[in-house]
Amino acid sequence: MKLPKIHQKEPSKIELKKGKNYAWCSCGLSKRQPLCDGSHQGTDMSPTIFKVEETKEYYLCNCKHTKKHPFCDGSHSKI
């Protein structure tokens, strides 16, 4: 798999907790979008592991083309 599967062209608004590890799905195959469920197994892709510095709601990318993994940067508007 060279390009990720576009899950949807809108970000997910999700509350994330400060200091917790998260795994953002970069392949677009996860059934738990926008987070990873291991569906990338067998591809050359892997999730982006990240933490946030503040507990609040964030917009995570679902088109998988953001330049600011895992956060939405508006790339979906260009697809």
PDB file of N, CA and C in Angstrom:
ATOM      1  N   MET A   1       0.852  -1.174   0.000  1.00  0.00           N
ATOM      2  CA  MET A   1       0.000   0.000   0.000  1.00  0.00           C
ATOM      3  C   MET A   1       0.896   1.234   0.000  1.00  0.00           C
ATOM      4  N   LYS A   2       0.771   2.050  -1.014  1.00  0.00           N
ATOM      5  CA  LYS A   2       1.593   3.242  -1.111  1.00  0.00           C
ATOM      6  C   LYS A   2       0.882   4.478  -0.561  1.00  0.00           C
ATOM      7  N   LEU A   3      -0.403   4.590  -0.846  1.00  0.00           N
ATOM      8  CA  LEU A   3      -1.189   5.716  -0.348  1.00  0.00           C
ATOM      9  C   LEU A   3      -2.227   5.194   0.635  1.00  0.00           C
ATOM     10  N   PRO A   4      -2.536   5.985   1.657  1.00  0.00           N
ATOM     11  CA  PRO A   4      -3.550   5.544   2.610  1.00  0.00           C
ATOM     12  C   PRO A   4      -4.941   5.587   1.990  1.00  0.00           C
ATOM     13  N   LYS A   5      -5.820   4.765   2.538  1.00  0.00           N
ATOM     14  CA  LYS A   5      -7.229   4.792   2.135  1.00  0.00           C
ATOM     15  C   LYS A   5      -7.871   5.999   2.809  1.00  0.00           C
ATOM     16  N   ILE A   6      -8.617   6.773   2.070  1.00  0.00           N
ATOM     17  CA  ILE A   6      -9.334   7.918   2.630  1.00  0.00           C
ATOM     18  C   ILE A   6     -10.547   7.368   3.381  1.00  0.00           C
ATOM     19  N   HIS A   7     -10.565   7.559   4.683  1.00  0.00           N
ATOM     20  CA  HIS A   7     -11.699   7.087   5.477  1.00  0.00           C
ATOM     21  C   HIS A   7     -12.905   7.987   5.246  1.00  0.00           C
ATOM     22  N   GLN A   8     -12.710   9.284   5.386  1.00  0.00           N
ATOM     23  CA  GLN A   8     -13.734  10.278   5.070  1.00  0.00           C
ATOM     24  C   GLN A   8     -13.057  11.623   4.900  1.00  0.00           C
ATOM     25  N   LYS A   9     -13.747  12.547   4.276  1.00  0.00           N
ATOM     26  CA  LYS A   9     -13.149  13.852   3.980  1.00  0.00           C
ATOM     27  C   LYS A   9     -13.471  14.903   5.025  1.00  0.00           C
ATOM     28  N   GLU A  10     -13.747  14.473   6.237  1.00  0.00           N
ATOM     29  CA  GLU A  10     -13.974  15.384   7.360  1.00  0.00           C
ATOM     30  C   GLU A  10     -13.218  14.840   8.559  1.00  0.00           C
ATOM     31  N   PRO A  11     -12.693  15.710   9.404  1.00  0.00           N
ATOM     32  CA  PRO A  11     -11.988  15.235  10.592  1.00  0.00           C
ATOM     33  C   PRO A  11     -12.963  14.724  11.652  1.00  0.00           C
ATOM     34  N   SER A  12     -12.427  13.970  12.594  1.00  0.00           N
ATOM     35  CA  SER A  12     -13.198  13.546  13.762  1.00  0.00           C
ATOM     36  C   SER A  12     -12.876  14.463  14.919  1.00  0.00           C
ATOM     37  N   LYS A  13     -13.905  14.921  15.599  1.00  0.00           N
ATOM     38  CA  LYS A  13     -13.730  15.718  16.813  1.00  0.00           C
ATOM     39  C   LYS A  13     -13.734  14.723  17.971  1.00  0.00           C
ATOM     40  N   ILE A  14     -12.629  14.675  18.717  1.00  0.00           N
ATOM     41  CA  ILE A  14     -12.475  13.662  19.745  1.00  0.00           C
ATOM     42  C   ILE A  14     -11.787  14.253  20.969  1.00  0.00           C
ATOM     43  N   GLU A  15     -12.278  13.913  22.151  1.00  0.00           N
ATOM     44  CA  GLU A  15     -11.630  14.386  23.374  1.00  0.00           C
ATOM     45  C   GLU A  15     -10.455  13.476  23.696  1.00  0.00           C
ATOM     46  N   LEU A  16      -9.303  14.092  23.871  1.00  0.00           N
ATOM     47  CA  LEU A  16      -8.083  13.369  24.215  1.00  0.00           C
ATOM     48  C   LEU A  16      -7.612  13.837  25.586  1.00  0.00           C
ATOM     49  N   LYS A  17      -7.032  12.911  26.338  1.00  0.00           N
ATOM     50  CA  LYS A  17      -6.570  13.183  27.699  1.00  0.00           C
ATOM     51  C   LYS A  17      -5.073  13.473  27.729  1.00  0.00           C
ATOM     52  N   LYS A  18      -4.719  14.480  28.472  1.00  0.00           N
ATOM     53  CA  LYS A  18      -3.322  14.880  28.647  1.00  0.00           C
ATOM     54  C   LYS A  18      -2.482  13.689  29.140  1.00  0.00           C
ATOM     55  N   GLY A  19      -1.315  13.501  28.494  1.00  0.00           N
ATOM     56  CA  GLY A  19      -0.352  12.501  28.928  1.00  0.00           C
ATOM     57  C   GLY A  19      -0.623  11.071  28.498  1.00  0.00           C
ATOM     58  N   LYS A  20      -1.782  10.776  27.935  1.00  0.00           N
ATOM     59  CA  LYS A  20      -2.110   9.420  27.494  1.00  0.00           C
ATOM     60  C   LYS A  20      -1.532   9.177  26.102  1.00  0.00           C
ATOM     61  N   ASN A  21      -1.025   7.973  25.847  1.00  0.00           N
ATOM     62  CA  ASN A  21      -0.541   7.609  24.515  1.00  0.00           C
ATOM     63  C   ASN A  21      -1.724   7.236  23.623  1.00  0.00           C
ATOM     64  N   TYR A  22      -1.704   7.765  22.408  1.00  0.00           N
ATOM     65  CA  TYR A  22      -2.709   7.445  21.401  1.00  0.00           C
ATOM     66  C   TYR A  22      -1.992   6.968  20.136  1.00  0.00           C
ATOM     67  N   ALA A  23      -2.684   6.154  19.346  1.00  0.00           N
ATOM     68  CA  ALA A  23      -2.152   5.677  18.065  1.00  0.00           C
ATOM     69  C   ALA A  23      -3.147   6.072  16.977  1.00  0.00           C
ATOM     70  N   TRP A  24      -2.763   7.052  16.168  1.00  0.00           N
ATOM     71  CA  TRP A  24      -3.607   7.534  15.076  1.00  0.00           C
ATOM     72  C   TRP A  24      -3.420   6.637  13.853  1.00  0.00           C
ATOM     73  N   CYS A  25      -4.517   6.230  13.257  1.00  0.00           N
ATOM     74  CA  CYS A  25      -4.484   5.386  12.058  1.00  0.00           C
ATOM     75  C   CYS A  25      -3.998   6.205  10.869  1.00  0.00           C
ATOM     76  N   SER A  26      -2.889   5.795  10.277  1.00  0.00           N
ATOM     77  CA  SER A  26      -2.364   6.498   9.106  1.00  0.00           C
ATOM     78  C   SER A  26      -2.692   5.781   7.795  1.00  0.00           C
ATOM     79  N   CYS A  27      -3.188   4.541   7.890  1.00  0.00           N
ATOM     80  CA  CYS A  27      -3.454   3.761   6.675  1.00  0.00           C
ATOM     81  C   CYS A  27      -4.884   3.912   6.174  1.00  0.00           C
ATOM     82  N   GLY A  28      -5.805   4.282   7.069  1.00  0.00           N
ATOM     83  CA  GLY A  28      -7.206   4.421   6.689  1.00  0.00           C
ATOM     84  C   GLY A  28      -8.004   3.136   6.759  1.00  0.00           C
ATOM     85  N   LEU A  29      -7.406   2.051   7.246  1.00  0.00           N
ATOM     86  CA  LEU A  29      -8.077   0.751   7.277  1.00  0.00           C
ATOM     87  C   LEU A  29      -8.733   0.419   8.611  1.00  0.00           C
ATOM     88  N   SER A  30      -8.409   1.140   9.660  1.00  0.00           N
ATOM     89  CA  SER A  30      -8.917   0.848  10.999  1.00  0.00           C
ATOM     90  C   SER A  30     -10.440   0.939  11.058  1.00  0.00           C
ATOM     91  N   LYS A  31     -11.047   0.056  11.823  1.00  0.00           N
ATOM     92  CA  LYS A  31     -12.493   0.094  12.070  1.00  0.00           C
ATOM     93  C   LYS A  31     -12.800   1.029  13.238  1.00  0.00           C
ATOM     94  N   ARG A  32     -11.764   1.539  13.922  1.00  0.00           N
ATOM     95  CA  ARG A  32     -11.919   2.430  15.077  1.00  0.00           C
ATOM     96  C   ARG A  32     -11.460   3.846  14.740  1.00  0.00           C
ATOM     97  N   GLN A  33     -11.685   4.296  13.532  1.00  0.00           N
ATOM     98  CA  GLN A  33     -11.234   5.615  13.085  1.00  0.00           C
ATOM     99  C   GLN A  33     -11.581   6.706  14.082  1.00  0.00           C
ATOM    100  N   PRO A  34     -10.707   7.632  14.301  1.00  0.00           N
ATOM    101  CA  PRO A  34      -9.439   7.886  13.635  1.00  0.00           C
ATOM    102  C   PRO A  34      -8.255   7.184  14.292  1.00  0.00           C
ATOM    103  N   LEU A  35      -8.539   6.305  15.266  1.00  0.00           N
ATOM    104  CA  LEU A  35      -7.464   5.623  15.986  1.00  0.00           C
ATOM    105  C   LEU A  35      -7.190   4.249  15.396  1.00  0.00           C
ATOM    106  N   CYS A  36      -6.007   3.755  15.643  1.00  0.00           N
ATOM    107  CA  CYS A  36      -5.532   2.489  15.085  1.00  0.00           C
ATOM    108  C   CYS A  36      -6.138   1.283  15.793  1.00  0.00           C
ATOM    109  N   ASP A  37      -6.468   0.251  15.013  1.00  0.00           N
ATOM    110  CA  ASP A  37      -6.903  -1.028  15.578  1.00  0.00           C
ATOM    111  C   ASP A  37      -6.020  -2.180  15.096  1.00  0.00           C
ATOM    112  N   GLY A  38      -4.892  -1.850  14.461  1.00  0.00           N
ATOM    113  CA  GLY A  38      -3.961  -2.876  13.987  1.00  0.00           C
ATOM    114  C   GLY A  38      -4.217  -3.341  12.562  1.00  0.00           C
ATOM    115  N   SER A  39      -5.186  -2.743  11.876  1.00  0.00           N
ATOM    116  CA  SER A  39      -5.521  -3.169  10.511  1.00  0.00           C
ATOM    117  C   SER A  39      -4.398  -2.923   9.507  1.00  0.00           C
ATOM    118  N   HIS A  40      -3.392  -2.159   9.876  1.00  0.00           N
ATOM    119  CA  HIS A  40      -2.263  -1.886   8.985  1.00  0.00           C
ATOM    120  C   HIS A  40      -1.341  -3.093   8.840  1.00  0.00           C
ATOM    121  N   GLN A  41      -1.529  -4.118   9.664  1.00  0.00           N
ATOM    122  CA  GLN A  41      -0.676  -5.309   9.591  1.00  0.00           C
ATOM    123  C   GLN A  41      -0.636  -5.835   8.154  1.00  0.00           C
ATOM    124  N   GLY A  42       0.556  -6.101   7.669  1.00  0.00           N
ATOM    125  CA  GLY A  42       0.729  -6.588   6.306  1.00  0.00           C
ATOM    126  C   GLY A  42       0.924  -5.481   5.287  1.00  0.00           C
ATOM    127  N   THR A  43       0.852  -4.223   5.725  1.00  0.00           N
ATOM    128  CA  THR A  43       1.127  -3.100   4.835  1.00  0.00           C
ATOM    129  C   THR A  43       2.466  -2.500   5.238  1.00  0.00           C
ATOM    130  N   ASP A  44       2.942  -1.528   4.493  1.00  0.00           N
ATOM    131  CA  ASP A  44       4.186  -0.849   4.854  1.00  0.00           C
ATOM    132  C   ASP A  44       3.909   0.402   5.686  1.00  0.00           C
ATOM    133  N   MET A  45       2.697   0.521   6.212  1.00  0.00           N
ATOM    134  CA  MET A  45       2.309   1.694   7.005  1.00  0.00           C
ATOM    135  C   MET A  45       2.246   1.323   8.481  1.00  0.00           C
ATOM    136  N   SER A  46       2.371   2.344   9.316  1.00  0.00           N
ATOM    137  CA  SER A  46       2.255   2.150  10.758  1.00  0.00           C
ATOM    138  C   SER A  46       1.569   3.370  11.363  1.00  0.00           C
ATOM    139  N   PRO A  47       0.981   3.215  12.551  1.00  0.00           N
ATOM    140  CA  PRO A  47       0.282   4.339  13.162  1.00  0.00           C
ATOM    141  C   PRO A  47       1.242   5.409  13.661  1.00  0.00           C
ATOM    142  N   THR A  48       0.706   6.591  13.868  1.00  0.00           N
ATOM    143  CA  THR A  48       1.449   7.685  14.487  1.00  0.00           C
ATOM    144  C   THR A  48       1.113   7.666  15.972  1.00  0.00           C
ATOM    145  N   ILE A  49       2.118   7.452  16.812  1.00  0.00           N
ATOM    146  CA  ILE A  49       1.941   7.443  18.257  1.00  0.00           C
ATOM    147  C   ILE A  49       2.142   8.869  18.757  1.00  0.00           C
ATOM    148  N   PHE A  50       1.217   9.339  19.595  1.00  0.00           N
ATOM    149  CA  PHE A  50       1.307  10.724  20.057  1.00  0.00           C
ATOM    150  C   PHE A  50       0.650  10.899  21.418  1.00  0.00           C
ATOM    151  N   LYS A  51       0.954  12.009  22.070  1.00  0.00           N
ATOM    152  CA  LYS A  51       0.333  12.463  23.306  1.00  0.00           C
ATOM    153  C   LYS A  51      -0.080  13.912  23.094  1.00  0.00           C
ATOM    154  N   VAL A  52      -1.020  14.372  23.889  1.00  0.00           N
ATOM    155  CA  VAL A  52      -1.396  15.786  23.859  1.00  0.00           C
ATOM    156  C   VAL A  52      -1.001  16.423  25.184  1.00  0.00           C
ATOM    157  N   GLU A  53      -0.790  17.714  25.160  1.00  0.00           N
ATOM    158  CA  GLU A  53      -0.350  18.440  26.345  1.00  0.00           C
ATOM    159  C   GLU A  53      -1.497  18.999  27.171  1.00  0.00           C
ATOM    160  N   GLU A  54      -2.719  18.852  26.655  1.00  0.00           N
ATOM    161  CA  GLU A  54      -3.888  19.405  27.338  1.00  0.00           C
ATOM    162  C   GLU A  54      -5.090  18.505  27.066  1.00  0.00           C
ATOM    163  N   THR A  55      -5.883  18.217  28.093  1.00  0.00           N
ATOM    164  CA  THR A  55      -7.122  17.473  27.909  1.00  0.00           C
ATOM    165  C   THR A  55      -8.152  18.411  27.306  1.00  0.00           C
ATOM    166  N   LYS A  56      -8.608  18.087  26.100  1.00  0.00           N
ATOM    167  CA  LYS A  56      -9.624  18.882  25.407  1.00  0.00           C
ATOM    168  C   LYS A  56     -10.023  18.152  24.133  1.00  0.00           C
ATOM    169  N   GLU A  57     -10.924  18.750  23.357  1.00  0.00           N
ATOM    170  CA  GLU A  57     -11.337  18.168  22.084  1.00  0.00           C
ATOM    171  C   GLU A  57     -10.373  18.595  20.986  1.00  0.00           C
ATOM    172  N   TYR A  58     -10.023  17.655  20.141  1.00  0.00           N
ATOM    173  CA  TYR A  58      -9.117  17.885  19.018  1.00  0.00           C
ATOM    174  C   TYR A  58      -9.782  17.373  17.746  1.00  0.00           C
ATOM    175  N   TYR A  59      -9.348  17.904  16.607  1.00  0.00           N
ATOM    176  CA  TYR A  59      -9.808  17.422  15.309  1.00  0.00           C
ATOM    177  C   TYR A  59      -8.704  16.557  14.710  1.00  0.00           C
ATOM    178  N   LEU A  60      -8.985  15.252  14.590  1.00  0.00           N
ATOM    179  CA  LEU A  60      -8.016  14.321  14.021  1.00  0.00           C
ATOM    180  C   LEU A  60      -8.371  14.030  12.571  1.00  0.00           C
ATOM    181  N   CYS A  61      -7.357  13.953  11.749  1.00  0.00           N
ATOM    182  CA  CYS A  61      -7.505  13.759  10.313  1.00  0.00           C
ATOM    183  C   CYS A  61      -8.093  12.387   9.983  1.00  0.00           C
ATOM    184  N   ASN A  62      -9.048  12.369   9.065  1.00  0.00           N
ATOM    185  CA  ASN A  62      -9.618  11.122   8.547  1.00  0.00           C
ATOM    186  C   ASN A  62      -9.310  10.905   7.074  1.00  0.00           C
ATOM    187  N   CYS A  63      -8.828  11.944   6.376  1.00  0.00           N
ATOM    188  CA  CYS A  63      -8.497  11.760   4.958  1.00  0.00           C
ATOM    189  C   CYS A  63      -7.103  11.154   4.814  1.00  0.00           C
ATOM    190  N   LYS A  64      -6.314  11.221   5.894  1.00  0.00           N
ATOM    191  CA  LYS A  64      -4.975  10.619   5.980  1.00  0.00           C
ATOM    192  C   LYS A  64      -3.931  11.344   5.138  1.00  0.00           C
ATOM    193  N   HIS A  65      -4.226  12.556   4.703  1.00  0.00           N
ATOM    194  CA  HIS A  65      -3.283  13.321   3.892  1.00  0.00           C
ATOM    195  C   HIS A  65      -2.741  14.564   4.597  1.00  0.00           C
ATOM    196  N   THR A  66      -3.047  14.720   5.883  1.00  0.00           N
ATOM    197  CA  THR A  66      -2.570  15.866   6.643  1.00  0.00           C
ATOM    198  C   THR A  66      -1.037  15.897   6.704  1.00  0.00           C
ATOM    199  N   LYS A  67      -0.498  17.072   6.779  1.00  0.00           N
ATOM    200  CA  LYS A  67       0.953  17.235   6.961  1.00  0.00           C
ATOM    201  C   LYS A  67       1.282  17.372   8.452  1.00  0.00           C
ATOM    202  N   LYS A  68       0.230  17.455   9.287  1.00  0.00           N
ATOM    203  CA  LYS A  68       0.395  17.641  10.737  1.00  0.00           C
ATOM    204  C   LYS A  68      -0.090  16.413  11.505  1.00  0.00           C
ATOM    205  N   HIS A  69       0.325  15.217  11.095  1.00  0.00           N
ATOM    206  CA  HIS A  69      -0.132  13.971  11.745  1.00  0.00           C
ATOM    207  C   HIS A  69      -0.172  14.132  13.246  1.00  0.00           C
ATOM    208  N   PRO A  70      -1.229  13.829  13.899  1.00  0.00           N
ATOM    209  CA  PRO A  70      -2.502  13.261  13.458  1.00  0.00           C
ATOM    210  C   PRO A  70      -3.600  14.306  13.269  1.00  0.00           C
ATOM    211  N   PHE A  71      -3.253  15.567  13.412  1.00  0.00           N
ATOM    212  CA  PHE A  71      -4.251  16.632  13.435  1.00  0.00           C
ATOM    213  C   PHE A  71      -4.636  17.100  12.031  1.00  0.00           C
ATOM    214  N   CYS A  72      -5.914  17.446  11.884  1.00  0.00           N
ATOM    215  CA  CYS A  72      -6.420  17.931  10.603  1.00  0.00           C
ATOM    216  C   CYS A  72      -5.755  19.267  10.259  1.00  0.00           C
ATOM    217  N   ASP A  73      -5.316  19.398   9.018  1.00  0.00           N
ATOM    218  CA  ASP A  73      -4.749  20.674   8.535  1.00  0.00           C
ATOM    219  C   ASP A  73      -5.526  21.209   7.330  1.00  0.00           C
ATOM    220  N   GLY A  74      -6.693  20.629   7.059  1.00  0.00           N
ATOM    221  CA  GLY A  74      -7.522  21.075   5.942  1.00  0.00           C
ATOM    222  C   GLY A  74      -7.204  20.398   4.617  1.00  0.00           C
ATOM    223  N   SER A  75      -6.288  19.431   4.616  1.00  0.00           N
ATOM    224  CA  SER A  75      -5.919  18.754   3.363  1.00  0.00           C
ATOM    225  C   SER A  75      -7.107  18.115   2.673  1.00  0.00           C
ATOM    226  N   HIS A  76      -8.136  17.719   3.440  1.00  0.00           N
ATOM    227  CA  HIS A  76      -9.305  17.067   2.842  1.00  0.00           C
ATOM    228  C   HIS A  76     -10.023  17.967   1.832  1.00  0.00           C
ATOM    229  N   SER A  77      -9.855  19.268   1.968  1.00  0.00           N
ATOM    230  CA  SER A  77     -10.519  20.189   1.030  1.00  0.00           C
ATOM    231  C   SER A  77      -9.848  20.209  -0.341  1.00  0.00           C
ATOM    232  N   LYS A  78      -8.686  19.588  -0.449  1.00  0.00           N
ATOM    233  CA  LYS A  78      -7.937  19.555  -1.713  1.00  0.00           C
ATOM    234  C   LYS A  78      -8.013  18.194  -2.405  1.00  0.00           C
ATOM    235  N   ILE A  79      -8.760  17.284  -1.830  1.00  0.00           N
ATOM    236  CA  ILE A  79      -8.850  15.923  -2.396  1.00  0.00           C
ATOM    237  C   ILE A  79     -10.068  15.826  -3.282  1.00  0.00           C
TER     238      ILE A  79
END
